[in-house]
PDB file of N, CA and C in Angstrom:
ATOM      1  N   UNK A   1      -3.817  22.957 -14.144  1.00  0.00           N
ATOM      2  CA  UNK A   1      -3.640  24.740 -13.697  1.00  0.00           C
ATOM      3  C   UNK A   1      -3.591  24.186 -12.212  1.00  0.00           C
ATOM      4  N   UNK A   2      -4.460  24.195 -12.117  1.00  0.00           N
ATOM      5  CA  UNK A   2      -5.465  24.118 -10.732  1.00  0.00           C
ATOM      6  C   UNK A   2      -3.779  23.605  -9.861  1.00  0.00           C
ATOM      7  N   UNK A   3      -3.004  22.460  -9.606  1.00  0.00           N
ATOM      8  CA  UNK A   3      -2.197  22.343  -9.365  1.00  0.00           C
ATOM      9  C   UNK A   3      -0.971  22.324  -9.057  1.00  0.00           C
ATOM     10  N   UNK A   4      -0.606  23.380 -10.975  1.00  0.00           N
ATOM     11  CA  UNK A   4      -0.252  24.295 -10.684  1.00  0.00           C
ATOM     12  C   UNK A   4      -0.084  26.090  -9.545  1.00  0.00           C
ATOM     13  N   UNK A   5      -1.361  26.164 -10.254  1.00  0.00           N
ATOM     14  CA  UNK A   5      -1.184  27.356  -8.899  1.00  0.00           C
ATOM     15  C   UNK A   5      -1.375  26.436  -7.558  1.00  0.00           C
ATOM     16  N   UNK A   6      -1.416  25.385  -6.388  1.00  0.00           N
ATOM     17  CA  UNK A   6      -0.750  25.314  -5.770  1.00  0.00           C
ATOM     18  C   UNK A   6       0.228  24.762  -5.289  1.00  0.00           C
ATOM     19  N   UNK A   7       1.094  24.153  -6.412  1.00  0.00           N
ATOM     20  CA  UNK A   7       2.384  23.550  -6.479  1.00  0.00           C
ATOM     21  C   UNK A   7       3.287  24.938  -5.825  1.00  0.00           C
ATOM     22  N   UNK A   8       2.546  26.173  -6.708  1.00  0.00           N
ATOM     23  CA  UNK A   8       3.261  26.717  -6.470  1.00  0.00           C
ATOM     24  C   UNK A   8       3.208  28.257  -5.612  1.00  0.00           C
ATOM     25  N   UNK A   9       1.818  27.999  -4.792  1.00  0.00           N
ATOM     26  CA  UNK A   9       1.642  28.694  -3.964  1.00  0.00           C
ATOM     27  C   UNK A   9       3.067  27.829  -2.618  1.00  0.00           C
ATOM     28  N   UNK A  10       2.818  27.233  -2.699  1.00  0.00           N
ATOM     29  CA  UNK A  10       2.813  26.380  -1.449  1.00  0.00           C
ATOM     30  C   UNK A  10       4.488  26.184  -1.619  1.00  0.00           C
ATOM     31  N   UNK A  11       5.516  26.203  -2.739  1.00  0.00           N
ATOM     32  CA  UNK A  11       7.266  26.963  -2.565  1.00  0.00           C
ATOM     33  C   UNK A  11       7.167  28.146  -2.558  1.00  0.00           C
ATOM     34  N   UNK A  12       6.238  28.708  -2.985  1.00  0.00           N
ATOM     35  CA  UNK A  12       6.558  29.995  -1.876  1.00  0.00           C
ATOM     36  C   UNK A  12       5.572  30.501  -0.732  1.00  0.00           C
ATOM     37  N   UNK A  13       5.810  29.979   0.193  1.00  0.00           N
ATOM     38  CA  UNK A  13       5.210  29.745   1.756  1.00  0.00           C
ATOM     39  C   UNK A  13       6.289  28.575   1.749  1.00  0.00           C
ATOM     40  N   UNK A  14       7.255  27.938   1.592  1.00  0.00           N
ATOM     41  CA  UNK A  14       8.175  27.730   1.874  1.00  0.00           C
ATOM     42  C   UNK A  14       9.872  28.628   1.863  1.00  0.00           C
ATOM     43  N   UNK A  15       9.302  29.339   0.793  1.00  0.00           N
ATOM     44  CA  UNK A  15      10.535  29.566   0.579  1.00  0.00           C
ATOM     45  C   UNK A  15      10.836  31.329   1.625  1.00  0.00           C
ATOM     46  N   UNK A  16       9.305  31.581   1.836  1.00  0.00           N
ATOM     47  CA  UNK A  16       9.051  33.138   2.906  1.00  0.00           C
ATOM     48  C   UNK A  16       9.019  32.155   4.203  1.00  0.00           C
ATOM     49  N   UNK A  17       8.986  30.773   4.763  1.00  0.00           N
ATOM     50  CA  UNK A  17       9.659  30.823   5.611  1.00  0.00           C
ATOM     51  C   UNK A  17      10.522  30.648   5.480  1.00  0.00           C
ATOM     52  N   UNK A  18      11.048  29.785   5.017  1.00  0.00           N
ATOM     53  CA  UNK A  18      13.068  29.689   4.695  1.00  0.00           C
ATOM     54  C   UNK A  18      13.635  31.179   4.977  1.00  0.00           C
ATOM     55  N   UNK A  19      13.111  32.365   4.355  1.00  0.00           N
ATOM     56  CA  UNK A  19      13.569  33.390   4.277  1.00  0.00           C
ATOM     57  C   UNK A  19      13.488  34.291   5.074  1.00  0.00           C
ATOM     58  N   UNK A  20      12.535  34.018   6.556  1.00  0.00           N
ATOM     59  CA  UNK A  20      12.770  33.986   7.901  1.00  0.00           C
ATOM     60  C   UNK A  20      13.019  33.717   8.981  1.00  0.00           C
ATOM     61  N   UNK A  21      13.310  32.421   9.152  1.00  0.00           N
ATOM     62  CA  UNK A  21      14.620  31.632   9.343  1.00  0.00           C
ATOM     63  C   UNK A  21      15.627  32.351   9.661  1.00  0.00           C
ATOM     64  N   UNK A  22      15.922  32.874   8.122  1.00  0.00           N
ATOM     65  CA  UNK A  22      17.881  32.690   7.942  1.00  0.00           C
ATOM     66  C   UNK A  22      17.959  34.057   7.630  1.00  0.00           C
ATOM     67  N   UNK A  23      17.180  35.068   7.393  1.00  0.00           N
ATOM     68  CA  UNK A  23      18.041  36.670   7.245  1.00  0.00           C
ATOM     69  C   UNK A  23      18.076  37.281   8.833  1.00  0.00           C
ATOM     70  N   UNK A  24      17.038  37.352   9.540  1.00  0.00           N
ATOM     71  CA  UNK A  24      17.435  37.193  11.085  1.00  0.00           C
ATOM     72  C   UNK A  24      18.802  36.764  11.020  1.00  0.00           C
ATOM     73  N   UNK A  25      19.588  35.926  10.651  1.00  0.00           N
ATOM     74  CA  UNK A  25      20.455  34.876  11.646  1.00  0.00           C
ATOM     75  C   UNK A  25      21.971  35.511  10.532  1.00  0.00           C
ATOM     76  N   UNK A  26      22.035  35.700   8.670  1.00  0.00           N
ATOM     77  CA  UNK A  26      22.621  36.241   7.580  1.00  0.00           C
ATOM     78  C   UNK A  26      23.501  37.549   8.936  1.00  0.00           C
ATOM     79  N   UNK A  27      21.875  38.245   9.463  1.00  0.00           N
ATOM     80  CA  UNK A  27      21.823  40.292   9.057  1.00  0.00           C
ATOM     81  C   UNK A  27      22.858  40.388  11.219  1.00  0.00           C
ATOM     82  N   UNK A  28      22.253  39.266  11.612  1.00  0.00           N
ATOM     83  CA  UNK A  28      23.427  38.944  12.728  1.00  0.00           C
ATOM     84  C   UNK A  28      24.763  39.113  12.792  1.00  0.00           C
ATOM     85  N   UNK A  29      24.766  38.180  11.930  1.00  0.00           N
ATOM     86  CA  UNK A  29      26.391  37.064  11.475  1.00  0.00           C
ATOM     87  C   UNK A  29      26.065  36.147  12.186  1.00  0.00           C
ATOM     88  N   UNK A  30      25.178  34.818  12.771  1.00  0.00           N
ATOM     89  CA  UNK A  30      25.696  34.253  13.492  1.00  0.00           C
ATOM     90  C   UNK A  30      25.672  32.882  11.858  1.00  0.00           C
ATOM     91  N   UNK A  31      25.660  33.025  10.978  1.00  0.00           N
ATOM     92  CA  UNK A  31      25.452  32.232   9.564  1.00  0.00           C
ATOM     93  C   UNK A  31      26.371  33.199   8.834  1.00  0.00           C
ATOM     94  N   UNK A  32      27.855  32.920   8.207  1.00  0.00           N
ATOM     95  CA  UNK A  32      28.234  33.187   6.889  1.00  0.00           C
ATOM     96  C   UNK A  32      28.881  31.970   6.010  1.00  0.00           C
ATOM     97  N   UNK A  33      28.378  33.007   5.708  1.00  0.00           N
ATOM     98  CA  UNK A  33      28.017  32.901   4.119  1.00  0.00           C
ATOM     99  C   UNK A  33      28.966  32.833   2.634  1.00  0.00           C
ATOM    100  N   UNK A  34      30.766  34.085   3.706  1.00  0.00           N
ATOM    101  CA  UNK A  34      31.428  34.640   2.920  1.00  0.00           C
ATOM    102  C   UNK A  34      31.959  33.245   2.136  1.00  0.00           C
ATOM    103  N   UNK A  35      31.671  31.966   2.247  1.00  0.00           N
ATOM    104  CA  UNK A  35      33.204  30.919   1.913  1.00  0.00           C
ATOM    105  C   UNK A  35      32.257  30.669   0.775  1.00  0.00           C
ATOM    106  N   UNK A  36      31.146  30.650   0.628  1.00  0.00           N
ATOM    107  CA  UNK A  36      30.243  30.012  -0.569  1.00  0.00           C
ATOM    108  C   UNK A  36      30.378  29.541  -2.504  1.00  0.00           C
ATOM    109  N   UNK A  37      30.562  29.479  -2.624  1.00  0.00           N
ATOM    110  CA  UNK A  37      30.439  29.431  -3.936  1.00  0.00           C
ATOM    111  C   UNK A  37      29.839  30.754  -5.242  1.00  0.00           C
ATOM    112  N   UNK A  38      30.283  30.891  -6.410  1.00  0.00           N
ATOM    113  CA  UNK A  38      28.556  32.024  -6.229  1.00  0.00           C
ATOM    114  C   UNK A  38      27.879  31.250  -7.804  1.00  0.00           C
ATOM    115  N   UNK A  39      26.568  30.594  -6.710  1.00  0.00           N
ATOM    116  CA  UNK A  39      25.405  30.225  -7.967  1.00  0.00           C
ATOM    117  C   UNK A  39      26.169  31.369  -9.519  1.00  0.00           C
ATOM    118  N   UNK A  40      25.863  29.771 -10.744  1.00  0.00           N
ATOM    119  CA  UNK A  40      26.009  29.666 -11.577  1.00  0.00           C
ATOM    120  C   UNK A  40      25.306  30.940 -12.477  1.00  0.00           C
ATOM    121  N   UNK A  41      24.445  31.129 -12.475  1.00  0.00           N
ATOM    122  CA  UNK A  41      23.976  31.977 -12.962  1.00  0.00           C
ATOM    123  C   UNK A  41      23.664  33.946 -12.209  1.00  0.00           C
ATOM    124  N   UNK A  42      24.189  34.184 -12.153  1.00  0.00           N
ATOM    125  CA  UNK A  42      25.292  34.861 -10.811  1.00  0.00           C
ATOM    126  C   UNK A  42      26.163  35.304 -11.268  1.00  0.00           C
ATOM    127  N   UNK A  43      27.366  34.057 -12.259  1.00  0.00           N
ATOM    128  CA  UNK A  43      28.914  34.909 -13.300  1.00  0.00           C
ATOM    129  C   UNK A  43      28.334  34.227 -14.071  1.00  0.00           C
ATOM    130  N   UNK A  44      27.072  33.967 -14.934  1.00  0.00           N
ATOM    131  CA  UNK A  44      27.032  34.249 -16.526  1.00  0.00           C
ATOM    132  C   UNK A  44      26.030  35.654 -16.393  1.00  0.00           C
ATOM    133  N   UNK A  45      25.594  36.654 -15.870  1.00  0.00           N
ATOM    134  CA  UNK A  45      24.702  37.948 -15.790  1.00  0.00           C
ATOM    135  C   UNK A  45      25.775  39.044 -15.642  1.00  0.00           C
TER     136      UNK A  45
END
């Protein structure tokens, strides 16, 4: 159980860092995601 918790904490930290890196670029228009395909989960919902 502790290994799972540590793995999830690491993933959460990685996701947080990725968000902090990408969000300003997305908001400023430096990155354009309009041409990317929709994820399968979003289409099924």
